[in-house]
């Protein structure tokens, strides 16, 4: 079986970089859009199946100007969330990326938020980031994508249909220390990083929270 990785490309123009939370939410939504497209439309079936049977690795790269236009010309799905645009491409072999994606830079995704995002609602799909870890926006985007994938895997057909009607909207927030401890111990899905970049192997990075994931889980 071919080992594959999921490429995510975030548009970062010099004059107007996206807000960090917008980029994280766009990445998470893009991952779910790809999974839904593969299941409901039969797009890229072999690529997605081989990737999901492996380590569901995701790599975020940045593009601007002509680089972004070349990324748009390749097969994929573009998701826009407020100030951010992210394009997700079908999974590619780990050592055989398309040239126009391979040349893009991984570094340079140190994005920030100008304002504190609002508190999510009780019916929202929320991916809670570990407050004890320092991650670049690109790393956090990949982790949010993992969390969104866990939420998708845990959803039934009716849950997915309702989520689809909301455009697969996802909230991404950094939990306070006390909330993080409660979430991590609650039984909700926890993303643990493989440790390829930035953080130690096994680090808990994200907890995925959604109404359908809370069945039998203590309130936190």
N, C-alpha and C. Protein backbone atom coordinates (compact mmCIF):
# COMPACT_ATOMS: atom_id res chain seq x y z
N UNK A 1 0.83 -1.19 0.00
CA UNK A 1 0.00 0.00 0.00
C UNK A 1 0.87 1.25 0.00
N UNK A 2 0.49 2.24 -0.79
CA UNK A 2 1.24 3.49 -0.87
C UNK A 2 0.98 4.34 0.35
N UNK A 3 2.04 4.80 1.01
CA UNK A 3 1.85 5.72 2.14
C UNK A 3 1.60 7.12 1.58
N UNK A 4 0.51 7.72 2.04
CA UNK A 4 0.10 9.01 1.51
C UNK A 4 0.01 10.07 2.59
N UNK A 5 0.05 11.32 2.15
CA UNK A 5 -0.07 12.47 3.03
C UNK A 5 -1.07 13.43 2.39
N UNK A 6 -1.82 14.14 3.22
CA UNK A 6 -2.82 15.08 2.72
C UNK A 6 -2.23 16.48 2.64
N UNK A 7 -2.14 17.07 1.44
CA UNK A 7 -1.62 18.43 1.31
C UNK A 7 -2.72 19.47 1.55
N UNK A 8 -2.41 20.44 2.39
CA UNK A 8 -3.26 21.60 2.61
C UNK A 8 -2.45 22.85 2.29
N UNK A 9 -3.00 23.73 1.48
CA UNK A 9 -2.30 24.95 1.09
C UNK A 9 -3.09 26.14 1.59
N UNK A 10 -2.46 26.98 2.39
CA UNK A 10 -3.10 28.19 2.89
C UNK A 10 -2.59 29.39 2.12
N UNK A 11 -3.50 30.24 1.73
CA UNK A 11 -3.12 31.44 0.99
C UNK A 11 -2.67 32.52 1.97
N UNK A 12 -1.44 32.96 1.84
CA UNK A 12 -0.90 34.01 2.70
C UNK A 12 -0.27 35.09 1.80
N UNK A 13 -1.05 36.10 1.50
CA UNK A 13 -0.54 37.22 0.72
C UNK A 13 0.19 38.18 1.66
N UNK A 14 1.24 38.80 1.16
CA UNK A 14 2.03 39.69 2.01
C UNK A 14 1.19 40.80 2.62
N UNK A 15 0.33 41.40 1.82
CA UNK A 15 -0.41 42.58 2.27
C UNK A 15 -1.62 42.23 3.12
N UNK A 16 -2.09 41.00 3.03
CA UNK A 16 -3.34 40.66 3.74
C UNK A 16 -3.31 39.20 4.20
N UNK A 17 -2.47 38.89 5.18
CA UNK A 17 -2.45 37.51 5.69
C UNK A 17 -3.74 37.22 6.45
N UNK A 18 -4.16 35.97 6.48
CA UNK A 18 -5.40 35.64 7.20
C UNK A 18 -5.20 35.67 8.71
N UNK A 19 -6.32 35.77 9.42
CA UNK A 19 -6.31 35.61 10.87
C UNK A 19 -6.03 34.14 11.20
N UNK A 20 -5.34 33.93 12.31
CA UNK A 20 -4.95 32.57 12.68
C UNK A 20 -6.16 31.65 12.85
N UNK A 21 -7.15 32.06 13.63
CA UNK A 21 -8.31 31.20 13.85
C UNK A 21 -9.05 30.91 12.56
N UNK A 22 -9.16 31.90 11.69
CA UNK A 22 -9.82 31.68 10.40
C UNK A 22 -9.09 30.59 9.60
N UNK A 23 -7.76 30.64 9.62
CA UNK A 23 -6.98 29.65 8.88
C UNK A 23 -7.16 28.26 9.47
N UNK A 24 -7.17 28.16 10.80
CA UNK A 24 -7.37 26.86 11.44
C UNK A 24 -8.75 26.29 11.11
N UNK A 25 -9.75 27.14 11.16
CA UNK A 25 -11.11 26.66 10.88
C UNK A 25 -11.28 26.30 9.41
N UNK A 26 -10.65 27.05 8.52
CA UNK A 26 -10.73 26.71 7.09
C UNK A 26 -10.05 25.37 6.82
N UNK A 27 -8.92 25.12 7.46
CA UNK A 27 -8.23 23.84 7.26
C UNK A 27 -9.08 22.68 7.76
N UNK A 28 -9.67 22.83 8.95
CA UNK A 28 -10.50 21.77 9.50
C UNK A 28 -11.70 21.49 8.61
N UNK A 29 -12.36 22.54 8.16
CA UNK A 29 -13.52 22.38 7.27
C UNK A 29 -13.10 21.74 5.95
N UNK A 30 -11.95 22.13 5.43
CA UNK A 30 -11.48 21.58 4.16
C UNK A 30 -11.27 20.07 4.25
N UNK A 31 -10.72 19.60 5.37
CA UNK A 31 -10.51 18.16 5.53
C UNK A 31 -11.85 17.42 5.49
N UNK A 32 -12.84 17.96 6.19
CA UNK A 32 -14.15 17.30 6.20
C UNK A 32 -14.81 17.36 4.83
N UNK A 33 -14.65 18.47 4.12
CA UNK A 33 -15.20 18.56 2.76
C UNK A 33 -14.60 17.50 1.85
N UNK A 34 -13.29 17.26 1.98
CA UNK A 34 -12.66 16.22 1.17
C UNK A 34 -13.20 14.84 1.53
N UNK A 35 -13.34 14.56 2.83
CA UNK A 35 -13.86 13.26 3.24
C UNK A 35 -15.29 13.07 2.75
N UNK A 36 -16.09 14.12 2.83
CA UNK A 36 -17.47 14.03 2.36
C UNK A 36 -17.53 13.84 0.86
N UNK A 37 -16.68 14.55 0.14
CA UNK A 37 -16.65 14.42 -1.32
C UNK A 37 -16.26 13.01 -1.74
N UNK A 38 -15.29 12.43 -1.03
CA UNK A 38 -14.86 11.07 -1.35
C UNK A 38 -16.00 10.08 -1.11
N UNK A 39 -16.75 10.29 -0.02
CA UNK A 39 -17.81 9.34 0.33
C UNK A 39 -19.07 9.54 -0.51
N UNK A 40 -19.51 10.78 -0.66
CA UNK A 40 -20.79 11.03 -1.32
C UNK A 40 -20.69 11.16 -2.83
N UNK A 41 -19.52 11.58 -3.33
CA UNK A 41 -19.35 11.78 -4.77
C UNK A 41 -18.37 10.79 -5.38
N UNK A 42 -17.70 10.02 -4.57
CA UNK A 42 -16.75 9.04 -5.10
C UNK A 42 -15.51 9.66 -5.69
N UNK A 43 -15.09 10.82 -5.21
CA UNK A 43 -13.89 11.47 -5.76
C UNK A 43 -12.64 10.92 -5.08
N UNK A 44 -11.63 10.64 -5.84
CA UNK A 44 -10.33 10.18 -5.37
C UNK A 44 -10.45 8.98 -4.41
N UNK A 45 -11.19 7.96 -4.77
CA UNK A 45 -11.46 6.87 -3.82
C UNK A 45 -10.21 6.12 -3.38
N UNK A 46 -9.30 5.78 -4.33
CA UNK A 46 -8.12 5.02 -3.95
C UNK A 46 -7.19 5.85 -3.07
N UNK A 47 -6.99 7.11 -3.46
CA UNK A 47 -6.09 7.97 -2.72
C UNK A 47 -6.57 8.17 -1.27
N UNK A 48 -7.86 8.45 -1.12
CA UNK A 48 -8.41 8.70 0.21
C UNK A 48 -8.40 7.42 1.05
N UNK A 49 -8.73 6.29 0.42
CA UNK A 49 -8.75 5.02 1.16
C UNK A 49 -7.36 4.66 1.65
N UNK A 50 -6.35 4.78 0.79
CA UNK A 50 -4.98 4.44 1.20
C UNK A 50 -4.50 5.38 2.31
N UNK A 51 -4.86 6.63 2.19
CA UNK A 51 -4.45 7.60 3.22
C UNK A 51 -5.12 7.30 4.56
N UNK A 52 -6.41 7.02 4.55
CA UNK A 52 -7.12 6.77 5.81
C UNK A 52 -6.70 5.45 6.45
N UNK A 53 -6.18 4.54 5.65
CA UNK A 53 -5.68 3.27 6.21
C UNK A 53 -4.31 3.44 6.85
N UNK A 54 -3.70 4.59 6.65
CA UNK A 54 -2.36 4.83 7.19
C UNK A 54 -2.39 5.77 8.38
N UNK A 55 -1.47 6.72 8.41
CA UNK A 55 -1.28 7.58 9.58
C UNK A 55 -1.99 8.92 9.48
N UNK A 56 -2.86 9.08 8.51
CA UNK A 56 -3.62 10.32 8.21
C UNK A 56 -2.74 11.57 8.36
N UNK A 57 -1.52 11.51 7.86
CA UNK A 57 -0.62 12.66 7.93
C UNK A 57 -1.15 13.81 7.09
N UNK A 58 -0.94 15.01 7.58
CA UNK A 58 -1.32 16.23 6.87
C UNK A 58 -0.15 17.19 6.91
N UNK A 59 0.10 17.84 5.78
CA UNK A 59 1.17 18.82 5.71
C UNK A 59 0.59 20.12 5.16
N UNK A 60 0.84 21.21 5.86
CA UNK A 60 0.33 22.52 5.46
C UNK A 60 1.48 23.32 4.83
N UNK A 61 1.22 23.85 3.65
CA UNK A 61 2.19 24.71 2.98
C UNK A 61 1.50 26.03 2.63
N UNK A 62 2.31 27.05 2.40
CA UNK A 62 1.74 28.37 2.13
C UNK A 62 1.99 28.77 0.69
N UNK A 63 1.11 29.62 0.18
CA UNK A 63 1.25 30.08 -1.20
C UNK A 63 0.70 31.50 -1.32
N UNK A 64 1.19 32.22 -2.30
CA UNK A 64 0.65 33.54 -2.62
C UNK A 64 0.83 33.80 -4.10
N UNK A 65 0.06 34.73 -4.63
CA UNK A 65 0.21 35.14 -6.02
C UNK A 65 0.14 33.98 -6.99
N UNK A 66 1.16 33.87 -7.84
CA UNK A 66 1.20 32.83 -8.87
C UNK A 66 1.23 31.43 -8.26
N UNK A 67 1.88 31.29 -7.10
CA UNK A 67 1.91 29.99 -6.42
C UNK A 67 0.49 29.53 -6.10
N UNK A 68 -0.31 30.45 -5.57
CA UNK A 68 -1.69 30.11 -5.23
C UNK A 68 -2.49 29.75 -6.48
N UNK A 69 -2.29 30.50 -7.55
CA UNK A 69 -3.02 30.21 -8.80
C UNK A 69 -2.64 28.84 -9.35
N UNK A 70 -1.38 28.45 -9.20
CA UNK A 70 -0.98 27.11 -9.65
C UNK A 70 -1.61 26.03 -8.77
N UNK A 71 -1.72 26.31 -7.48
CA UNK A 71 -2.38 25.34 -6.60
C UNK A 71 -3.85 25.18 -6.98
N UNK A 72 -4.49 26.27 -7.35
CA UNK A 72 -5.89 26.21 -7.75
C UNK A 72 -6.10 25.39 -9.02
N UNK A 73 -5.06 25.33 -9.85
CA UNK A 73 -5.18 24.58 -11.11
C UNK A 73 -5.09 23.07 -10.89
N UNK A 74 -4.63 22.65 -9.74
CA UNK A 74 -4.53 21.22 -9.44
C UNK A 74 -5.83 20.72 -8.83
N UNK A 75 -6.12 19.40 -8.93
CA UNK A 75 -7.34 18.87 -8.33
C UNK A 75 -7.39 19.17 -6.83
N UNK A 76 -8.57 19.55 -6.36
CA UNK A 76 -8.71 19.84 -4.94
C UNK A 76 -9.99 20.59 -4.65
N UNK A 77 -10.12 21.04 -3.42
CA UNK A 77 -11.30 21.76 -2.95
C UNK A 77 -10.82 22.97 -2.17
N UNK A 78 -11.37 24.13 -2.48
CA UNK A 78 -11.01 25.36 -1.78
C UNK A 78 -12.10 25.73 -0.79
N UNK A 79 -11.69 26.07 0.42
CA UNK A 79 -12.61 26.49 1.47
C UNK A 79 -12.20 27.88 1.94
N UNK A 80 -13.17 28.77 2.03
CA UNK A 80 -12.94 30.12 2.54
C UNK A 80 -13.70 30.30 3.85
N UNK A 81 -13.00 30.76 4.87
CA UNK A 81 -13.61 31.09 6.16
C UNK A 81 -13.15 32.50 6.53
N UNK A 82 -14.05 33.46 6.38
CA UNK A 82 -13.75 34.86 6.66
C UNK A 82 -12.48 35.31 5.94
N UNK A 83 -11.39 35.56 6.64
CA UNK A 83 -10.19 36.10 5.99
C UNK A 83 -9.30 35.03 5.37
N UNK A 84 -9.63 33.76 5.55
CA UNK A 84 -8.71 32.68 5.15
C UNK A 84 -9.24 31.89 3.96
N UNK A 85 -8.30 31.47 3.13
CA UNK A 85 -8.58 30.52 2.05
C UNK A 85 -7.60 29.35 2.17
N UNK A 86 -8.13 28.16 2.15
CA UNK A 86 -7.31 26.95 2.22
C UNK A 86 -7.76 26.01 1.12
N UNK A 87 -6.81 25.43 0.43
CA UNK A 87 -7.12 24.43 -0.59
C UNK A 87 -6.59 23.08 -0.14
N UNK A 88 -7.46 22.09 -0.13
CA UNK A 88 -7.07 20.72 0.20
C UNK A 88 -7.01 19.93 -1.09
N UNK A 89 -5.95 19.16 -1.23
CA UNK A 89 -5.73 18.34 -2.42
C UNK A 89 -5.88 16.87 -2.06
N UNK A 90 -6.22 16.02 -3.02
CA UNK A 90 -6.29 14.59 -2.70
C UNK A 90 -4.96 14.09 -2.18
N UNK A 91 -4.97 13.09 -1.30
CA UNK A 91 -3.72 12.59 -0.71
C UNK A 91 -2.71 12.17 -1.78
N UNK A 92 -1.45 12.52 -1.54
CA UNK A 92 -0.38 12.22 -2.49
C UNK A 92 0.62 11.27 -1.84
N UNK A 93 1.38 10.51 -2.64
CA UNK A 93 2.41 9.67 -2.06
C UNK A 93 3.41 10.51 -1.26
N UNK A 94 3.84 9.98 -0.15
CA UNK A 94 4.72 10.71 0.76
C UNK A 94 5.96 11.24 0.06
N UNK A 95 6.49 10.49 -0.89
CA UNK A 95 7.74 10.88 -1.56
C UNK A 95 7.53 11.25 -3.03
N UNK A 96 6.30 11.61 -3.41
CA UNK A 96 6.05 11.93 -4.82
C UNK A 96 4.95 12.99 -4.93
N UNK A 97 5.25 14.18 -4.44
CA UNK A 97 4.29 15.29 -4.50
C UNK A 97 4.26 15.88 -5.91
N UNK A 98 3.12 16.41 -6.35
CA UNK A 98 3.11 17.21 -7.58
C UNK A 98 4.09 18.37 -7.46
N UNK A 99 4.75 18.69 -8.55
CA UNK A 99 5.82 19.68 -8.51
C UNK A 99 5.35 21.02 -7.94
N UNK A 100 4.16 21.49 -8.35
CA UNK A 100 3.69 22.79 -7.91
C UNK A 100 3.33 22.83 -6.43
N UNK A 101 3.13 21.68 -5.81
CA UNK A 101 2.92 21.63 -4.37
C UNK A 101 4.24 21.41 -3.63
N UNK A 102 5.10 20.60 -4.21
CA UNK A 102 6.38 20.29 -3.55
C UNK A 102 7.25 21.53 -3.39
N UNK A 103 7.12 22.48 -4.30
CA UNK A 103 7.98 23.66 -4.24
C UNK A 103 7.49 24.70 -3.22
N UNK A 104 6.31 24.53 -2.69
CA UNK A 104 5.77 25.49 -1.73
C UNK A 104 6.46 25.34 -0.38
N UNK A 105 6.55 26.44 0.36
CA UNK A 105 7.24 26.46 1.65
C UNK A 105 6.32 26.01 2.78
N UNK A 106 6.89 25.27 3.72
CA UNK A 106 6.17 24.88 4.93
C UNK A 106 6.28 25.98 5.98
N UNK A 107 7.44 26.62 6.08
CA UNK A 107 7.66 27.67 7.08
C UNK A 107 6.92 28.95 6.67
N UNK A 108 6.82 29.87 7.63
CA UNK A 108 6.21 31.16 7.32
C UNK A 108 4.72 31.22 7.59
N UNK A 109 4.25 30.37 8.49
CA UNK A 109 2.82 30.38 8.81
C UNK A 109 2.58 30.89 10.23
N UNK A 110 3.35 31.89 10.64
CA UNK A 110 3.20 32.44 11.99
C UNK A 110 2.11 33.50 11.98
N UNK A 111 0.86 33.05 11.98
CA UNK A 111 -0.29 33.94 11.91
C UNK A 111 -0.77 34.29 13.32
N UNK A 112 -1.50 35.40 13.42
CA UNK A 112 -2.04 35.85 14.70
C UNK A 112 -3.50 36.26 14.51
N UNK A 113 -4.19 36.43 15.65
CA UNK A 113 -5.55 36.95 15.67
C UNK A 113 -5.54 38.38 16.19
N UNK A 114 -6.29 39.25 15.54
CA UNK A 114 -6.39 40.63 16.00
C UNK A 114 -7.38 40.78 17.15
N UNK A 115 -8.32 39.83 17.27
CA UNK A 115 -9.32 39.88 18.33
C UNK A 115 -9.58 38.47 18.84
N UNK A 116 -10.07 38.37 20.06
CA UNK A 116 -10.38 37.07 20.64
C UNK A 116 -11.64 36.51 20.01
N UNK A 117 -11.60 35.30 19.48
CA UNK A 117 -12.80 34.70 18.87
C UNK A 117 -13.90 34.50 19.91
N UNK A 118 -15.16 34.57 19.49
CA UNK A 118 -16.26 34.40 20.45
C UNK A 118 -16.35 32.98 20.98
N UNK A 119 -17.00 32.84 22.12
CA UNK A 119 -17.23 31.53 22.71
C UNK A 119 -18.17 30.73 21.82
N UNK A 120 -17.84 29.46 21.52
CA UNK A 120 -18.72 28.66 20.66
C UNK A 120 -20.01 28.29 21.35
N UNK A 121 -21.04 27.95 20.56
CA UNK A 121 -22.32 27.54 21.09
C UNK A 121 -22.35 26.06 21.42
N UNK A 122 -23.37 25.61 22.17
CA UNK A 122 -23.43 24.21 22.61
C UNK A 122 -23.64 23.21 21.49
N UNK A 123 -24.16 23.65 20.35
CA UNK A 123 -24.41 22.74 19.24
C UNK A 123 -23.31 22.78 18.19
N UNK A 124 -22.29 23.58 18.41
CA UNK A 124 -21.21 23.71 17.44
C UNK A 124 -20.24 22.52 17.51
N UNK A 125 -19.61 22.25 16.39
CA UNK A 125 -18.46 21.34 16.37
C UNK A 125 -17.24 22.18 16.74
N UNK A 126 -16.57 21.81 17.82
CA UNK A 126 -15.46 22.62 18.30
C UNK A 126 -14.23 21.75 18.48
N UNK A 127 -13.11 22.27 18.02
CA UNK A 127 -11.82 21.61 18.21
C UNK A 127 -11.03 22.44 19.20
N UNK A 128 -10.75 21.86 20.35
CA UNK A 128 -10.09 22.56 21.44
C UNK A 128 -8.59 22.30 21.39
N UNK A 129 -7.81 23.37 21.33
CA UNK A 129 -6.35 23.29 21.23
C UNK A 129 -5.75 23.26 22.64
N UNK A 130 -4.73 22.44 22.81
CA UNK A 130 -4.01 22.35 24.08
C UNK A 130 -3.29 23.68 24.36
N UNK A 131 -3.61 24.34 25.49
CA UNK A 131 -2.98 25.63 25.78
C UNK A 131 -1.52 25.51 26.19
N UNK A 132 -1.06 24.31 26.48
CA UNK A 132 0.31 24.12 26.95
C UNK A 132 1.31 23.89 25.85
N UNK A 133 0.87 23.91 24.59
CA UNK A 133 1.77 23.67 23.47
C UNK A 133 1.93 24.92 22.63
N UNK A 134 3.12 25.16 22.15
CA UNK A 134 3.36 26.24 21.19
C UNK A 134 3.48 25.64 19.81
N UNK A 135 2.58 26.03 18.92
CA UNK A 135 2.57 25.51 17.56
C UNK A 135 2.44 26.67 16.58
N UNK A 136 3.16 26.60 15.47
CA UNK A 136 2.92 27.55 14.40
C UNK A 136 1.50 27.35 13.89
N UNK A 137 1.00 28.32 13.15
CA UNK A 137 -0.34 28.18 12.58
C UNK A 137 -0.42 26.97 11.67
N UNK A 138 0.64 26.73 10.89
CA UNK A 138 0.62 25.58 9.99
C UNK A 138 0.50 24.26 10.74
N UNK A 139 1.26 24.12 11.83
CA UNK A 139 1.18 22.91 12.65
C UNK A 139 -0.20 22.79 13.27
N UNK A 140 -0.72 23.89 13.81
CA UNK A 140 -2.04 23.86 14.43
C UNK A 140 -3.14 23.57 13.40
N UNK A 141 -2.96 24.04 12.17
CA UNK A 141 -3.94 23.73 11.12
C UNK A 141 -4.00 22.23 10.87
N UNK A 142 -2.85 21.59 10.81
CA UNK A 142 -2.82 20.15 10.60
C UNK A 142 -3.49 19.42 11.77
N UNK A 143 -3.22 19.88 12.99
CA UNK A 143 -3.83 19.24 14.16
C UNK A 143 -5.34 19.44 14.18
N UNK A 144 -5.79 20.63 13.81
CA UNK A 144 -7.23 20.88 13.71
C UNK A 144 -7.86 19.98 12.65
N UNK A 145 -7.13 19.76 11.57
CA UNK A 145 -7.62 18.83 10.55
C UNK A 145 -7.78 17.42 11.08
N UNK A 146 -6.84 16.98 11.91
CA UNK A 146 -6.98 15.66 12.55
C UNK A 146 -8.24 15.62 13.42
N UNK A 147 -8.43 16.68 14.22
CA UNK A 147 -9.59 16.71 15.10
C UNK A 147 -10.90 16.68 14.33
N UNK A 148 -10.95 17.43 13.23
CA UNK A 148 -12.16 17.42 12.40
C UNK A 148 -12.40 16.04 11.81
N UNK A 149 -11.34 15.36 11.45
CA UNK A 149 -11.48 14.00 10.91
C UNK A 149 -12.02 13.05 11.98
N UNK A 150 -11.58 13.20 13.21
CA UNK A 150 -12.13 12.38 14.30
C UNK A 150 -13.62 12.65 14.48
N UNK A 151 -14.02 13.92 14.38
CA UNK A 151 -15.44 14.26 14.51
C UNK A 151 -16.24 13.65 13.37
N UNK A 152 -15.69 13.66 12.17
CA UNK A 152 -16.36 13.05 11.01
C UNK A 152 -16.50 11.54 11.20
N UNK A 153 -15.45 10.90 11.63
CA UNK A 153 -15.51 9.45 11.84
C UNK A 153 -16.56 9.09 12.89
N UNK A 154 -16.74 9.93 13.89
CA UNK A 154 -17.69 9.62 14.95
C UNK A 154 -19.12 9.98 14.66
N UNK A 155 -19.38 10.60 13.50
CA UNK A 155 -20.71 11.06 13.15
C UNK A 155 -21.50 10.01 12.38
N UNK A 156 -22.78 9.88 12.71
CA UNK A 156 -23.68 9.03 11.94
C UNK A 156 -24.18 9.76 10.70
N UNK A 157 -24.98 9.07 9.89
CA UNK A 157 -25.47 9.67 8.64
C UNK A 157 -26.28 10.93 8.90
N UNK A 158 -27.16 10.90 9.90
CA UNK A 158 -27.97 12.08 10.20
C UNK A 158 -27.10 13.23 10.70
N UNK A 159 -26.11 12.91 11.52
CA UNK A 159 -25.20 13.94 12.01
C UNK A 159 -24.44 14.58 10.86
N UNK A 160 -23.96 13.75 9.95
CA UNK A 160 -23.21 14.27 8.81
C UNK A 160 -24.09 15.13 7.92
N UNK A 161 -25.34 14.71 7.73
CA UNK A 161 -26.26 15.48 6.90
C UNK A 161 -26.51 16.86 7.50
N UNK A 162 -26.73 16.90 8.82
CA UNK A 162 -26.96 18.18 9.48
C UNK A 162 -25.72 19.06 9.43
N UNK A 163 -24.56 18.44 9.61
CA UNK A 163 -23.29 19.18 9.53
C UNK A 163 -23.08 19.72 8.13
N UNK A 164 -23.41 18.91 7.13
CA UNK A 164 -23.26 19.33 5.73
C UNK A 164 -24.11 20.56 5.45
N UNK A 165 -25.32 20.61 6.00
CA UNK A 165 -26.20 21.76 5.79
C UNK A 165 -25.59 23.04 6.36
N UNK A 166 -24.74 22.90 7.34
CA UNK A 166 -24.06 24.07 7.92
C UNK A 166 -22.70 24.32 7.26
N UNK A 167 -22.48 23.69 6.12
CA UNK A 167 -21.22 23.89 5.41
C UNK A 167 -20.03 23.29 6.11
N UNK A 168 -20.28 22.28 6.96
CA UNK A 168 -19.22 21.65 7.76
C UNK A 168 -18.46 22.68 8.59
N UNK A 169 -19.20 23.65 9.10
CA UNK A 169 -18.58 24.69 9.92
C UNK A 169 -17.94 24.08 11.17
N UNK A 170 -16.77 24.57 11.51
CA UNK A 170 -16.00 24.09 12.65
C UNK A 170 -15.47 25.30 13.42
N UNK A 171 -15.57 25.25 14.72
CA UNK A 171 -14.92 26.26 15.55
C UNK A 171 -13.62 25.69 16.10
N UNK A 172 -12.59 26.50 16.13
CA UNK A 172 -11.30 26.10 16.72
C UNK A 172 -10.96 27.13 17.79
N UNK A 173 -10.77 26.64 19.01
CA UNK A 173 -10.48 27.53 20.13
C UNK A 173 -9.37 26.92 20.99
N UNK A 174 -8.60 27.77 21.64
CA UNK A 174 -7.63 27.30 22.61
C UNK A 174 -8.31 27.23 23.97
N UNK A 175 -8.28 26.06 24.58
CA UNK A 175 -8.93 25.88 25.88
C UNK A 175 -8.09 26.51 26.99
N UNK A 176 -8.76 26.98 28.05
CA UNK A 176 -8.04 27.36 29.25
C UNK A 176 -7.50 26.10 29.91
N UNK A 177 -6.50 26.23 30.77
CA UNK A 177 -5.87 25.04 31.39
C UNK A 177 -6.87 24.12 32.08
N UNK A 178 -7.78 24.68 32.88
CA UNK A 178 -8.74 23.83 33.60
C UNK A 178 -9.69 23.13 32.63
N UNK A 179 -10.16 23.86 31.65
CA UNK A 179 -11.06 23.26 30.66
C UNK A 179 -10.33 22.18 29.88
N UNK A 180 -9.09 22.44 29.51
CA UNK A 180 -8.32 21.43 28.77
C UNK A 180 -8.20 20.14 29.57
N UNK A 181 -7.86 20.25 30.84
CA UNK A 181 -7.71 19.06 31.67
C UNK A 181 -9.02 18.26 31.71
N UNK A 182 -10.14 18.97 31.83
CA UNK A 182 -11.44 18.30 31.87
C UNK A 182 -11.77 17.66 30.53
N UNK A 183 -11.50 18.36 29.45
CA UNK A 183 -11.78 17.82 28.11
C UNK A 183 -10.92 16.59 27.84
N UNK A 184 -9.64 16.67 28.16
CA UNK A 184 -8.72 15.57 27.86
C UNK A 184 -9.08 14.31 28.63
N UNK A 185 -9.74 14.47 29.78
CA UNK A 185 -10.11 13.32 30.60
C UNK A 185 -11.56 12.89 30.41
N UNK A 186 -12.27 13.55 29.50
CA UNK A 186 -13.72 13.36 29.40
C UNK A 186 -14.15 12.13 28.60
N UNK A 187 -13.27 11.61 27.77
CA UNK A 187 -13.64 10.53 26.88
C UNK A 187 -13.90 10.98 25.46
N UNK A 188 -13.86 12.31 25.21
CA UNK A 188 -13.95 12.81 23.84
C UNK A 188 -12.67 12.45 23.08
N UNK A 189 -12.74 12.39 21.73
CA UNK A 189 -11.55 12.03 20.95
C UNK A 189 -10.40 13.00 21.15
N UNK A 190 -9.23 12.46 21.36
CA UNK A 190 -8.03 13.27 21.58
C UNK A 190 -7.02 12.98 20.46
N UNK A 191 -6.52 14.04 19.84
CA UNK A 191 -5.47 13.91 18.83
C UNK A 191 -4.12 13.86 19.53
N UNK A 192 -3.33 12.85 19.19
CA UNK A 192 -1.97 12.75 19.73
C UNK A 192 -0.99 12.79 18.56
N UNK A 193 -0.05 13.69 18.64
CA UNK A 193 0.84 13.94 17.51
C UNK A 193 1.92 12.88 17.41
N UNK A 194 2.30 12.57 16.16
CA UNK A 194 3.34 11.58 15.93
C UNK A 194 4.73 12.12 16.22
N UNK A 195 4.86 13.43 16.34
CA UNK A 195 6.15 14.00 16.71
C UNK A 195 7.11 14.21 15.57
N UNK A 196 6.62 14.31 14.33
CA UNK A 196 7.52 14.55 13.20
C UNK A 196 8.10 15.96 13.23
N UNK A 197 7.30 16.93 13.70
CA UNK A 197 7.76 18.32 13.71
C UNK A 197 7.25 19.04 14.96
N UNK A 198 8.03 19.96 15.45
CA UNK A 198 7.68 20.98 16.45
C UNK A 198 7.45 20.47 17.87
N UNK A 199 6.71 19.38 18.07
CA UNK A 199 6.36 18.96 19.41
C UNK A 199 6.72 17.49 19.64
N UNK A 200 6.75 17.09 20.90
CA UNK A 200 7.19 15.74 21.25
C UNK A 200 6.17 14.69 20.82
N UNK A 201 6.65 13.50 20.43
CA UNK A 201 5.74 12.42 20.07
C UNK A 201 4.77 12.10 21.20
N UNK A 202 3.51 11.85 20.82
CA UNK A 202 2.50 11.50 21.80
C UNK A 202 1.83 12.68 22.47
N UNK A 203 2.24 13.91 22.13
CA UNK A 203 1.62 15.09 22.73
C UNK A 203 0.14 15.16 22.35
N UNK A 204 -0.71 15.43 23.34
CA UNK A 204 -2.13 15.64 23.08
C UNK A 204 -2.30 17.06 22.57
N UNK A 205 -2.78 17.21 21.36
CA UNK A 205 -2.85 18.54 20.74
C UNK A 205 -4.25 19.11 20.67
N UNK A 206 -5.24 18.25 20.40
CA UNK A 206 -6.60 18.72 20.15
C UNK A 206 -7.59 17.73 20.75
N UNK A 207 -8.67 18.26 21.31
CA UNK A 207 -9.83 17.44 21.68
C UNK A 207 -10.99 17.84 20.76
N UNK A 208 -11.61 16.85 20.14
CA UNK A 208 -12.74 17.10 19.25
C UNK A 208 -14.04 17.01 20.03
N UNK A 209 -14.87 18.03 19.89
CA UNK A 209 -16.14 18.08 20.61
C UNK A 209 -17.26 18.36 19.61
N UNK A 210 -18.30 17.56 19.66
CA UNK A 210 -19.49 17.72 18.82
C UNK A 210 -20.66 17.08 19.54
N UNK A 211 -21.89 17.51 19.26
CA UNK A 211 -23.03 16.92 19.97
C UNK A 211 -23.07 15.40 19.92
N UNK A 212 -22.74 14.81 18.78
CA UNK A 212 -22.81 13.35 18.65
C UNK A 212 -21.64 12.64 19.33
N UNK A 213 -20.61 13.38 19.66
CA UNK A 213 -19.47 12.77 20.37
C UNK A 213 -19.68 12.77 21.89
N UNK A 214 -20.66 13.53 22.35
CA UNK A 214 -20.85 13.69 23.80
C UNK A 214 -21.73 12.61 24.41
N UNK A 215 -22.26 11.72 23.62
CA UNK A 215 -23.13 10.67 24.16
C UNK A 215 -22.35 9.82 25.16
N UNK A 216 -22.80 9.80 26.39
CA UNK A 216 -22.11 9.04 27.42
C UNK A 216 -20.89 9.71 27.99
N UNK A 217 -20.61 10.97 27.57
CA UNK A 217 -19.43 11.69 28.04
C UNK A 217 -19.87 12.68 29.11
N UNK A 218 -19.19 12.74 30.26
CA UNK A 218 -19.56 13.71 31.30
C UNK A 218 -19.50 15.14 30.77
N UNK A 219 -20.36 15.98 31.28
CA UNK A 219 -20.37 17.38 30.87
C UNK A 219 -19.08 18.05 31.34
N UNK A 220 -18.49 18.84 30.44
CA UNK A 220 -17.25 19.55 30.80
C UNK A 220 -17.41 21.03 30.54
